[in-house]
Amino acid sequence: VFAVLRDFNVPLEVKITLCAISAYVL
């Protein structure tokens, strides 16, 4: 939600965390 509200302009840490969660689910 934070990423969408910021039009995807978010810190690298947010991107890494989201990728890690996605990898965990998959």
mmCIF file of all heavy atoms, coordinates in Angstrom:
data_MODEL
# 
_entry.id   MODEL 
# 
loop_
_atom_site.group_PDB 
_atom_site.id 
_atom_site.type_symbol 
_atom_site.label_atom_id 
_atom_site.label_alt_id 
_atom_site.label_comp_id 
_atom_site.label_asym_id 
_atom_site.label_entity_id 
_atom_site.label_seq_id 
_atom_site.pdbx_PDB_ins_code 
_atom_site.Cartn_x 
_atom_site.Cartn_y 
_atom_site.Cartn_z 
_atom_site.occupancy 
_atom_site.B_iso_or_equiv 
_atom_site.pdbx_formal_charge 
_atom_site.auth_seq_id 
_atom_site.auth_comp_id 
_atom_site.auth_asym_id 
_atom_site.auth_atom_id 
_atom_site.pdbx_PDB_model_num 
ATOM 1   N N   . VAL A 1 1  ? 0.844  -1.206  0.000   1.00 0.00 ? 1  VAL A N   1 
ATOM 2   C CA  . VAL A 1 1  ? 0.000  0.000   0.000   1.00 0.00 ? 1  VAL A CA  1 
ATOM 3   C C   . VAL A 1 1  ? 0.872  1.247   0.000   1.00 0.00 ? 1  VAL A C   1 
ATOM 4   O O   . VAL A 1 1  ? 0.612  2.211   -0.743  1.00 0.00 ? 1  VAL A O   1 
ATOM 5   C CB  . VAL A 1 1  ? -0.939 -0.013  1.217   1.00 0.00 ? 1  VAL A CB  1 
ATOM 6   C CG1 . VAL A 1 1  ? -1.641 1.341   1.366   1.00 0.00 ? 1  VAL A CG1 1 
ATOM 7   C CG2 . VAL A 1 1  ? -1.971 -1.126  1.087   1.00 0.00 ? 1  VAL A CG2 1 
ATOM 8   N N   . PHE A 1 2  ? 1.910  1.222   0.817   1.00 0.00 ? 2  PHE A N   1 
ATOM 9   C CA  . PHE A 1 2  ? 2.841  2.352   0.879   1.00 0.00 ? 2  PHE A CA  1 
ATOM 10  C C   . PHE A 1 2  ? 3.477  2.600   -0.488  1.00 0.00 ? 2  PHE A C   1 
ATOM 11  O O   . PHE A 1 2  ? 3.575  3.752   -0.942  1.00 0.00 ? 2  PHE A O   1 
ATOM 12  C CB  . PHE A 1 2  ? 3.918  2.067   1.926   1.00 0.00 ? 2  PHE A CB  1 
ATOM 13  C CG  . PHE A 1 2  ? 5.022  3.080   1.983   1.00 0.00 ? 2  PHE A CG  1 
ATOM 14  C CD1 . PHE A 1 2  ? 4.779  4.380   2.414   1.00 0.00 ? 2  PHE A CD1 1 
ATOM 15  C CD2 . PHE A 1 2  ? 6.315  2.744   1.605   1.00 0.00 ? 2  PHE A CD2 1 
ATOM 16  C CE1 . PHE A 1 2  ? 5.801  5.326   2.461   1.00 0.00 ? 2  PHE A CE1 1 
ATOM 17  C CE2 . PHE A 1 2  ? 7.341  3.666   1.654   1.00 0.00 ? 2  PHE A CE2 1 
ATOM 18  C CZ  . PHE A 1 2  ? 7.078  4.962   2.086   1.00 0.00 ? 2  PHE A CZ  1 
ATOM 19  N N   . ALA A 1 3  ? 3.885  1.518   -1.159  1.00 0.00 ? 3  ALA A N   1 
ATOM 20  C CA  . ALA A 1 3  ? 4.527  1.651   -2.474  1.00 0.00 ? 3  ALA A CA  1 
ATOM 21  C C   . ALA A 1 3  ? 3.567  2.226   -3.502  1.00 0.00 ? 3  ALA A C   1 
ATOM 22  O O   . ALA A 1 3  ? 3.938  3.092   -4.302  1.00 0.00 ? 3  ALA A O   1 
ATOM 23  C CB  . ALA A 1 3  ? 5.055  0.289   -2.934  1.00 0.00 ? 3  ALA A CB  1 
ATOM 24  N N   . VAL A 1 4  ? 2.321  1.764   -3.495  1.00 0.00 ? 4  VAL A N   1 
ATOM 25  C CA  . VAL A 1 4  ? 1.342  2.270   -4.458  1.00 0.00 ? 4  VAL A CA  1 
ATOM 26  C C   . VAL A 1 4  ? 1.040  3.739   -4.190  1.00 0.00 ? 4  VAL A C   1 
ATOM 27  O O   . VAL A 1 4  ? 0.958  4.553   -5.126  1.00 0.00 ? 4  VAL A O   1 
ATOM 28  C CB  . VAL A 1 4  ? 0.060  1.419   -4.397  1.00 0.00 ? 4  VAL A CB  1 
ATOM 29  C CG1 . VAL A 1 4  ? -1.071 2.087   -5.180  1.00 0.00 ? 4  VAL A CG1 1 
ATOM 30  C CG2 . VAL A 1 4  ? 0.320  0.022   -4.947  1.00 0.00 ? 4  VAL A CG2 1 
ATOM 31  N N   . LEU A 1 5  ? 0.882  4.097   -2.921  1.00 0.00 ? 5  LEU A N   1 
ATOM 32  C CA  . LEU A 1 5  ? 0.595  5.498   -2.584  1.00 0.00 ? 5  LEU A CA  1 
ATOM 33  C C   . LEU A 1 5  ? 1.749  6.419   -2.953  1.00 0.00 ? 5  LEU A C   1 
ATOM 34  O O   . LEU A 1 5  ? 1.537  7.595   -3.261  1.00 0.00 ? 5  LEU A O   1 
ATOM 35  C CB  . LEU A 1 5  ? 0.275  5.618   -1.087  1.00 0.00 ? 5  LEU A CB  1 
ATOM 36  C CG  . LEU A 1 5  ? -1.022 4.944   -0.627  1.00 0.00 ? 5  LEU A CG  1 
ATOM 37  C CD1 . LEU A 1 5  ? -1.186 5.096   0.878   1.00 0.00 ? 5  LEU A CD1 1 
ATOM 38  C CD2 . LEU A 1 5  ? -2.230 5.511   -1.366  1.00 0.00 ? 5  LEU A CD2 1 
ATOM 39  N N   . ARG A 1 6  ? 2.957  5.874   -2.941  1.00 0.00 ? 6  ARG A N   1 
ATOM 40  C CA  . ARG A 1 6  ? 4.141  6.663   -3.315  1.00 0.00 ? 6  ARG A CA  1 
ATOM 41  C C   . ARG A 1 6  ? 4.466  6.529   -4.797  1.00 0.00 ? 6  ARG A C   1 
ATOM 42  O O   . ARG A 1 6  ? 5.532  6.957   -5.225  1.00 0.00 ? 6  ARG A O   1 
ATOM 43  C CB  . ARG A 1 6  ? 5.347  6.210   -2.478  1.00 0.00 ? 6  ARG A CB  1 
ATOM 44  C CG  . ARG A 1 6  ? 5.276  6.542   -0.993  1.00 0.00 ? 6  ARG A CG  1 
ATOM 45  C CD  . ARG A 1 6  ? 5.510  8.034   -0.753  1.00 0.00 ? 6  ARG A CD  1 
ATOM 46  N NE  . ARG A 1 6  ? 6.792  8.449   -1.287  1.00 0.00 ? 6  ARG A NE  1 
ATOM 47  C CZ  . ARG A 1 6  ? 7.948  8.400   -0.609  1.00 0.00 ? 6  ARG A CZ  1 
ATOM 48  N NH1 . ARG A 1 6  ? 7.955  7.932   0.638   1.00 0.00 ? 6  ARG A NH1 1 
ATOM 49  N NH2 . ARG A 1 6  ? 9.071  8.806   -1.164  1.00 0.00 ? 6  ARG A NH2 1 
ATOM 50  N N   . ASP A 1 7  ? 3.542  5.940   -5.565  1.00 0.00 ? 7  ASP A N   1 
ATOM 51  C CA  . ASP A 1 7  ? 3.760  5.731   -6.995  1.00 0.00 ? 7  ASP A CA  1 
ATOM 52  C C   . ASP A 1 7  ? 5.047  4.948   -7.242  1.00 0.00 ? 7  ASP A C   1 
ATOM 53  O O   . ASP A 1 7  ? 5.793  5.211   -8.183  1.00 0.00 ? 7  ASP A O   1 
ATOM 54  C CB  . ASP A 1 7  ? 3.784  7.071   -7.734  1.00 0.00 ? 7  ASP A CB  1 
ATOM 55  C CG  . ASP A 1 7  ? 3.552  6.905   -9.224  1.00 0.00 ? 7  ASP A CG  1 
ATOM 56  O OD1 . ASP A 1 7  ? 2.903  5.914   -9.615  1.00 0.00 ? 7  ASP A OD1 1 
ATOM 57  O OD2 . ASP A 1 7  ? 4.028  7.759   -10.000 1.00 0.00 ? 7  ASP A OD2 1 
ATOM 58  N N   . PHE A 1 8  ? 5.316  3.994   -6.366  1.00 0.00 ? 8  PHE A N   1 
ATOM 59  C CA  . PHE A 1 8  ? 6.444  3.062   -6.438  1.00 0.00 ? 8  PHE A CA  1 
ATOM 60  C C   . PHE A 1 8  ? 7.797  3.728   -6.170  1.00 0.00 ? 8  PHE A C   1 
ATOM 61  O O   . PHE A 1 8  ? 8.843  3.095   -6.342  1.00 0.00 ? 8  PHE A O   1 
ATOM 62  C CB  . PHE A 1 8  ? 6.471  2.328   -7.786  1.00 0.00 ? 8  PHE A CB  1 
ATOM 63  C CG  . PHE A 1 8  ? 5.228  1.530   -8.044  1.00 0.00 ? 8  PHE A CG  1 
ATOM 64  C CD1 . PHE A 1 8  ? 4.249  1.987   -8.917  1.00 0.00 ? 8  PHE A CD1 1 
ATOM 65  C CD2 . PHE A 1 8  ? 5.023  0.322   -7.396  1.00 0.00 ? 8  PHE A CD2 1 
ATOM 66  C CE1 . PHE A 1 8  ? 3.091  1.261   -9.149  1.00 0.00 ? 8  PHE A CE1 1 
ATOM 67  C CE2 . PHE A 1 8  ? 3.862  -0.422  -7.622  1.00 0.00 ? 8  PHE A CE2 1 
ATOM 68  C CZ  . PHE A 1 8  ? 2.902  0.061   -8.496  1.00 0.00 ? 8  PHE A CZ  1 
ATOM 69  N N   . ASN A 1 9  ? 7.806  4.964   -5.717  1.00 0.00 ? 9  ASN A N   1 
ATOM 70  C CA  . ASN A 1 9  ? 9.057  5.636   -5.364  1.00 0.00 ? 9  ASN A CA  1 
ATOM 71  C C   . ASN A 1 9  ? 9.339  5.393   -3.880  1.00 0.00 ? 9  ASN A C   1 
ATOM 72  O O   . ASN A 1 9  ? 9.026  6.214   -3.015  1.00 0.00 ? 9  ASN A O   1 
ATOM 73  C CB  . ASN A 1 9  ? 8.952  7.141   -5.659  1.00 0.00 ? 9  ASN A CB  1 
ATOM 74  C CG  . ASN A 1 9  ? 8.796  7.425   -7.136  1.00 0.00 ? 9  ASN A CG  1 
ATOM 75  O OD1 . ASN A 1 9  ? 9.515  6.867   -7.967  1.00 0.00 ? 9  ASN A OD1 1 
ATOM 76  N ND2 . ASN A 1 9  ? 7.849  8.297   -7.488  1.00 0.00 ? 9  ASN A ND2 1 
ATOM 77  N N   . VAL A 1 10 ? 9.892  4.231   -3.593  1.00 0.00 ? 10 VAL A N   1 
ATOM 78  C CA  . VAL A 1 10 ? 10.121 3.813   -2.208  1.00 0.00 ? 10 VAL A CA  1 
ATOM 79  C C   . VAL A 1 10 ? 11.593 3.438   -2.026  1.00 0.00 ? 10 VAL A C   1 
ATOM 80  O O   . VAL A 1 10 ? 12.300 3.138   -2.993  1.00 0.00 ? 10 VAL A O   1 
ATOM 81  C CB  . VAL A 1 10 ? 9.229  2.617   -1.841  1.00 0.00 ? 10 VAL A CB  1 
ATOM 82  C CG1 . VAL A 1 10 ? 7.763  3.027   -1.852  1.00 0.00 ? 10 VAL A CG1 1 
ATOM 83  C CG2 . VAL A 1 10 ? 9.459  1.443   -2.792  1.00 0.00 ? 10 VAL A CG2 1 
ATOM 84  N N   . PRO A 1 11 ? 12.074 3.435   -0.780  1.00 0.00 ? 11 PRO A N   1 
ATOM 85  C CA  . PRO A 1 11 ? 13.476 3.077   -0.525  1.00 0.00 ? 11 PRO A CA  1 
ATOM 86  C C   . PRO A 1 11 ? 13.791 1.635   -0.933  1.00 0.00 ? 11 PRO A C   1 
ATOM 87  O O   . PRO A 1 11 ? 12.892 0.779   -1.018  1.00 0.00 ? 11 PRO A O   1 
ATOM 88  C CB  . PRO A 1 11 ? 13.615 3.257   0.990   1.00 0.00 ? 11 PRO A CB  1 
ATOM 89  C CG  . PRO A 1 11 ? 12.512 4.172   1.385   1.00 0.00 ? 11 PRO A CG  1 
ATOM 90  C CD  . PRO A 1 11 ? 11.387 3.882   0.442   1.00 0.00 ? 11 PRO A CD  1 
ATOM 91  N N   . LEU A 1 12 ? 15.064 1.383   -1.160  1.00 0.00 ? 12 LEU A N   1 
ATOM 92  C CA  . LEU A 1 12 ? 15.509 0.053   -1.559  1.00 0.00 ? 12 LEU A CA  1 
ATOM 93  C C   . LEU A 1 12 ? 15.136 -0.995  -0.510  1.00 0.00 ? 12 LEU A C   1 
ATOM 94  O O   . LEU A 1 12 ? 14.800 -2.138  -0.855  1.00 0.00 ? 12 LEU A O   1 
ATOM 95  C CB  . LEU A 1 12 ? 17.028 0.071   -1.771  1.00 0.00 ? 12 LEU A CB  1 
ATOM 96  C CG  . LEU A 1 12 ? 17.680 -1.258  -2.162  1.00 0.00 ? 12 LEU A CG  1 
ATOM 97  C CD1 . LEU A 1 12 ? 17.126 -1.773  -3.484  1.00 0.00 ? 12 LEU A CD1 1 
ATOM 98  C CD2 . LEU A 1 12 ? 19.199 -1.109  -2.235  1.00 0.00 ? 12 LEU A CD2 1 
ATOM 99  N N   . GLU A 1 13 ? 15.179 -0.610  0.776   1.00 0.00 ? 13 GLU A N   1 
ATOM 100 C CA  . GLU A 1 13 ? 14.850 -1.563  1.840   1.00 0.00 ? 13 GLU A CA  1 
ATOM 101 C C   . GLU A 1 13 ? 13.423 -2.084  1.708   1.00 0.00 ? 13 GLU A C   1 
ATOM 102 O O   . GLU A 1 13 ? 13.151 -3.256  1.996   1.00 0.00 ? 13 GLU A O   1 
ATOM 103 C CB  . GLU A 1 13 ? 15.038 -0.905  3.213   1.00 0.00 ? 13 GLU A CB  1 
ATOM 104 C CG  . GLU A 1 13 ? 16.467 -0.548  3.570   1.00 0.00 ? 13 GLU A CG  1 
ATOM 105 C CD  . GLU A 1 13 ? 16.928 0.749   2.919   1.00 0.00 ? 13 GLU A CD  1 
ATOM 106 O OE1 . GLU A 1 13 ? 16.103 1.426   2.267   1.00 0.00 ? 13 GLU A OE1 1 
ATOM 107 O OE2 . GLU A 1 13 ? 18.123 1.081   3.075   1.00 0.00 ? 13 GLU A OE2 1 
ATOM 108 N N   . VAL A 1 14 ? 12.517 -1.224  1.291   1.00 0.00 ? 14 VAL A N   1 
ATOM 109 C CA  . VAL A 1 14 ? 11.122 -1.649  1.098   1.00 0.00 ? 14 VAL A CA  1 
ATOM 110 C C   . VAL A 1 14 ? 11.042 -2.664  -0.037  1.00 0.00 ? 14 VAL A C   1 
ATOM 111 O O   . VAL A 1 14 ? 10.351 -3.687  0.070   1.00 0.00 ? 14 VAL A O   1 
ATOM 112 C CB  . VAL A 1 14 ? 10.221 -0.433  0.814   1.00 0.00 ? 14 VAL A CB  1 
ATOM 113 C CG1 . VAL A 1 14 ? 8.813  -0.883  0.430   1.00 0.00 ? 14 VAL A CG1 1 
ATOM 114 C CG2 . VAL A 1 14 ? 10.173 0.496   2.020   1.00 0.00 ? 14 VAL A CG2 1 
ATOM 115 N N   . LYS A 1 15 ? 11.747 -2.408  -1.113  1.00 0.00 ? 15 LYS A N   1 
ATOM 116 C CA  . LYS A 1 15 ? 11.728 -3.323  -2.251  1.00 0.00 ? 15 LYS A CA  1 
ATOM 117 C C   . LYS A 1 15 ? 12.313 -4.687  -1.870  1.00 0.00 ? 15 LYS A C   1 
ATOM 118 O O   . LYS A 1 15 ? 11.761 -5.730  -2.245  1.00 0.00 ? 15 LYS A O   1 
ATOM 119 C CB  . LYS A 1 15 ? 12.507 -2.719  -3.420  1.00 0.00 ? 15 LYS A CB  1 
ATOM 120 C CG  . LYS A 1 15 ? 11.909 -1.420  -3.958  1.00 0.00 ? 15 LYS A CG  1 
ATOM 121 C CD  . LYS A 1 15 ? 12.746 -0.857  -5.102  1.00 0.00 ? 15 LYS A CD  1 
ATOM 122 C CE  . LYS A 1 15 ? 12.158 0.443   -5.622  1.00 0.00 ? 15 LYS A CE  1 
ATOM 123 N NZ  . LYS A 1 15 ? 12.930 1.013   -6.752  1.00 0.00 ? 15 LYS A NZ  1 
ATOM 124 N N   . ILE A 1 16 ? 13.419 -4.667  -1.129  1.00 0.00 ? 16 ILE A N   1 
ATOM 125 C CA  . ILE A 1 16 ? 14.051 -5.928  -0.716  1.00 0.00 ? 16 ILE A CA  1 
ATOM 126 C C   . ILE A 1 16 ? 13.119 -6.721  0.192   1.00 0.00 ? 16 ILE A C   1 
ATOM 127 O O   . ILE A 1 16 ? 12.975 -7.943  0.049   1.00 0.00 ? 16 ILE A O   1 
ATOM 128 C CB  . ILE A 1 16 ? 15.394 -5.640  -0.018  1.00 0.00 ? 16 ILE A CB  1 
ATOM 129 C CG1 . ILE A 1 16 ? 16.408 -5.082  -1.014  1.00 0.00 ? 16 ILE A CG1 1 
ATOM 130 C CG2 . ILE A 1 16 ? 15.931 -6.908  0.648   1.00 0.00 ? 16 ILE A CG2 1 
ATOM 131 C CD1 . ILE A 1 16 ? 17.708 -4.637  -0.382  1.00 0.00 ? 16 ILE A CD1 1 
ATOM 132 N N   . THR A 1 17 ? 12.464 -6.049  1.128   1.00 0.00 ? 17 THR A N   1 
ATOM 133 C CA  . THR A 1 17 ? 11.548 -6.726  2.047   1.00 0.00 ? 17 THR A CA  1 
ATOM 134 C C   . THR A 1 17 ? 10.388 -7.354  1.302   1.00 0.00 ? 17 THR A C   1 
ATOM 135 O O   . THR A 1 17 ? 10.001 -8.507  1.551   1.00 0.00 ? 17 THR A O   1 
ATOM 136 C CB  . THR A 1 17 ? 11.018 -5.739  3.098   1.00 0.00 ? 17 THR A CB  1 
ATOM 137 O OG1 . THR A 1 17 ? 12.118 -5.167  3.807   1.00 0.00 ? 17 THR A OG1 1 
ATOM 138 C CG2 . THR A 1 17 ? 10.095 -6.446  4.093   1.00 0.00 ? 17 THR A CG2 1 
ATOM 139 N N   . LEU A 1 18 ? 9.818  -6.625  0.363   1.00 0.00 ? 18 LEU A N   1 
ATOM 140 C CA  . LEU A 1 18 ? 8.711  -7.167  -0.420  1.00 0.00 ? 18 LEU A CA  1 
ATOM 141 C C   . LEU A 1 18 ? 9.141  -8.362  -1.264  1.00 0.00 ? 18 LEU A C   1 
ATOM 142 O O   . LEU A 1 18 ? 8.409  -9.352  -1.368  1.00 0.00 ? 18 LEU A O   1 
ATOM 143 C CB  . LEU A 1 18 ? 8.124  -6.067  -1.315  1.00 0.00 ? 18 LEU A CB  1 
ATOM 144 C CG  . LEU A 1 18 ? 7.235  -5.028  -0.605  1.00 0.00 ? 18 LEU A CG  1 
ATOM 145 C CD1 . LEU A 1 18 ? 6.974  -3.832  -1.506  1.00 0.00 ? 18 LEU A CD1 1 
ATOM 146 C CD2 . LEU A 1 18 ? 5.926  -5.668  -0.178  1.00 0.00 ? 18 LEU A CD2 1 
ATOM 147 N N   . CYS A 1 19 ? 10.322 -8.289  -1.842  1.00 0.00 ? 19 CYS A N   1 
ATOM 148 C CA  . CYS A 1 19 ? 10.834 -9.416  -2.622  1.00 0.00 ? 19 CYS A CA  1 
ATOM 149 C C   . CYS A 1 19 ? 11.064 -10.635 -1.735  1.00 0.00 ? 19 CYS A C   1 
ATOM 150 O O   . CYS A 1 19 ? 10.773 -11.774 -2.139  1.00 0.00 ? 19 CYS A O   1 
ATOM 151 C CB  . CYS A 1 19 ? 12.128 -9.025  -3.328  1.00 0.00 ? 19 CYS A CB  1 
ATOM 152 S SG  . CYS A 1 19 ? 11.912 -7.875  -4.702  1.00 0.00 ? 19 CYS A SG  1 
ATOM 153 N N   . ALA A 1 20 ? 11.577 -10.423 -0.530  1.00 0.00 ? 20 ALA A N   1 
ATOM 154 C CA  . ALA A 1 20 ? 11.835 -11.528 0.396   1.00 0.00 ? 20 ALA A CA  1 
ATOM 155 C C   . ALA A 1 20 ? 10.529 -12.201 0.815   1.00 0.00 ? 20 ALA A C   1 
ATOM 156 O O   . ALA A 1 20 ? 10.444 -13.438 0.877   1.00 0.00 ? 20 ALA A O   1 
ATOM 157 C CB  . ALA A 1 20 ? 12.592 -11.019 1.616   1.00 0.00 ? 20 ALA A CB  1 
ATOM 158 N N   . ILE A 1 21 ? 9.502  -11.418 1.097   1.00 0.00 ? 21 ILE A N   1 
ATOM 159 C CA  . ILE A 1 21 ? 8.207  -11.986 1.477   1.00 0.00 ? 21 ILE A CA  1 
ATOM 160 C C   . ILE A 1 21 ? 7.616  -12.779 0.320   1.00 0.00 ? 21 ILE A C   1 
ATOM 161 O O   . ILE A 1 21 ? 7.076  -13.876 0.507   1.00 0.00 ? 21 ILE A O   1 
ATOM 162 C CB  . ILE A 1 21 ? 7.251  -10.867 1.930   1.00 0.00 ? 21 ILE A CB  1 
ATOM 163 C CG1 . ILE A 1 21 ? 7.758  -10.244 3.230   1.00 0.00 ? 21 ILE A CG1 1 
ATOM 164 C CG2 . ILE A 1 21 ? 5.826  -11.403 2.114   1.00 0.00 ? 21 ILE A CG2 1 
ATOM 165 C CD1 . ILE A 1 21 ? 6.987  -9.007  3.658   1.00 0.00 ? 21 ILE A CD1 1 
ATOM 166 N N   . SER A 1 22 ? 7.736  -12.247 -0.878  1.00 0.00 ? 22 SER A N   1 
ATOM 167 C CA  . SER A 1 22 ? 7.229  -12.949 -2.056  1.00 0.00 ? 22 SER A CA  1 
ATOM 168 C C   . SER A 1 22 ? 7.959  -14.274 -2.258  1.00 0.00 ? 22 SER A C   1 
ATOM 169 O O   . SER A 1 22 ? 7.340  -15.303 -2.558  1.00 0.00 ? 22 SER A O   1 
ATOM 170 C CB  . SER A 1 22 ? 7.386  -12.065 -3.292  1.00 0.00 ? 22 SER A CB  1 
ATOM 171 O OG  . SER A 1 22 ? 6.984  -12.745 -4.455  1.00 0.00 ? 22 SER A OG  1 
ATOM 172 N N   . ALA A 1 23 ? 9.269  -14.266 -2.097  1.00 0.00 ? 23 ALA A N   1 
ATOM 173 C CA  . ALA A 1 23 ? 10.053 -15.495 -2.251  1.00 0.00 ? 23 ALA A CA  1 
ATOM 174 C C   . ALA A 1 23 ? 9.656  -16.524 -1.191  1.00 0.00 ? 23 ALA A C   1 
ATOM 175 O O   . ALA A 1 23 ? 9.593  -17.727 -1.471  1.00 0.00 ? 23 ALA A O   1 
ATOM 176 C CB  . ALA A 1 23 ? 11.542 -15.172 -2.156  1.00 0.00 ? 23 ALA A CB  1 
ATOM 177 N N   . TYR A 1 24 ? 9.373  -16.053 0.024   1.00 0.00 ? 24 TYR A N   1 
ATOM 178 C CA  . TYR A 1 24 ? 8.943  -16.971 1.088   1.00 0.00 ? 24 TYR A CA  1 
ATOM 179 C C   . TYR A 1 24 ? 7.633  -17.659 0.705   1.00 0.00 ? 24 TYR A C   1 
ATOM 180 O O   . TYR A 1 24 ? 7.484  -18.883 0.846   1.00 0.00 ? 24 TYR A O   1 
ATOM 181 C CB  . TYR A 1 24 ? 8.767  -16.203 2.391   1.00 0.00 ? 24 TYR A CB  1 
ATOM 182 C CG  . TYR A 1 24 ? 8.112  -17.015 3.489   1.00 0.00 ? 24 TYR A CG  1 
ATOM 183 C CD1 . TYR A 1 24 ? 8.860  -17.900 4.263   1.00 0.00 ? 24 TYR A CD1 1 
ATOM 184 C CD2 . TYR A 1 24 ? 6.748  -16.912 3.739   1.00 0.00 ? 24 TYR A CD2 1 
ATOM 185 C CE1 . TYR A 1 24 ? 8.258  -18.667 5.254   1.00 0.00 ? 24 TYR A CE1 1 
ATOM 186 C CE2 . TYR A 1 24 ? 6.137  -17.665 4.729   1.00 0.00 ? 24 TYR A CE2 1 
ATOM 187 C CZ  . TYR A 1 24 ? 6.902  -18.536 5.480   1.00 0.00 ? 24 TYR A CZ  1 
ATOM 188 O OH  . TYR A 1 24 ? 6.292  -19.301 6.459   1.00 0.00 ? 24 TYR A OH  1 
ATOM 189 N N   . VAL A 1 25 ? 6.657  -16.893 0.223   1.00 0.00 ? 25 VAL A N   1 
ATOM 190 C CA  . VAL A 1 25 ? 5.364  -17.467 -0.148  1.00 0.00 ? 25 VAL A CA  1 
ATOM 191 C C   . VAL A 1 25 ? 5.522  -18.472 -1.292  1.00 0.00 ? 25 VAL A C   1 
ATOM 192 O O   . VAL A 1 25 ? 4.921  -19.549 -1.285  1.00 0.00 ? 25 VAL A O   1 
ATOM 193 C CB  . VAL A 1 25 ? 4.373  -16.350 -0.532  1.00 0.00 ? 25 VAL A CB  1 
ATOM 194 C CG1 . VAL A 1 25 ? 3.088  -16.941 -1.109  1.00 0.00 ? 25 VAL A CG1 1 
ATOM 195 C CG2 . VAL A 1 25 ? 4.048  -15.482 0.678   1.00 0.00 ? 25 VAL A CG2 1 
ATOM 196 N N   . LEU A 1 26 ? 6.350  -18.137 -2.265  1.00 0.00 ? 26 LEU A N   1 
ATOM 197 C CA  . LEU A 1 26 ? 6.487  -18.991 -3.443  1.00 0.00 ? 26 LEU A CA  1 
ATOM 198 C C   . LEU A 1 26 ? 7.304  -20.253 -3.187  1.00 0.00 ? 26 LEU A C   1 
ATOM 199 O O   . LEU A 1 26 ? 6.952  -21.341 -3.656  1.00 0.00 ? 26 LEU A O   1 
ATOM 200 C CB  . LEU A 1 26 ? 7.129  -18.200 -4.592  1.00 0.00 ? 26 LEU A CB  1 
ATOM 201 C CG  . LEU A 1 26 ? 6.232  -17.235 -5.361  1.00 0.00 ? 26 LEU A CG  1 
ATOM 202 C CD1 . LEU A 1 26 ? 7.059  -16.455 -6.373  1.00 0.00 ? 26 LEU A CD1 1 
ATOM 203 C CD2 . LEU A 1 26 ? 5.104  -17.981 -6.061  1.00 0.00 ? 26 LEU A CD2 1 
# 
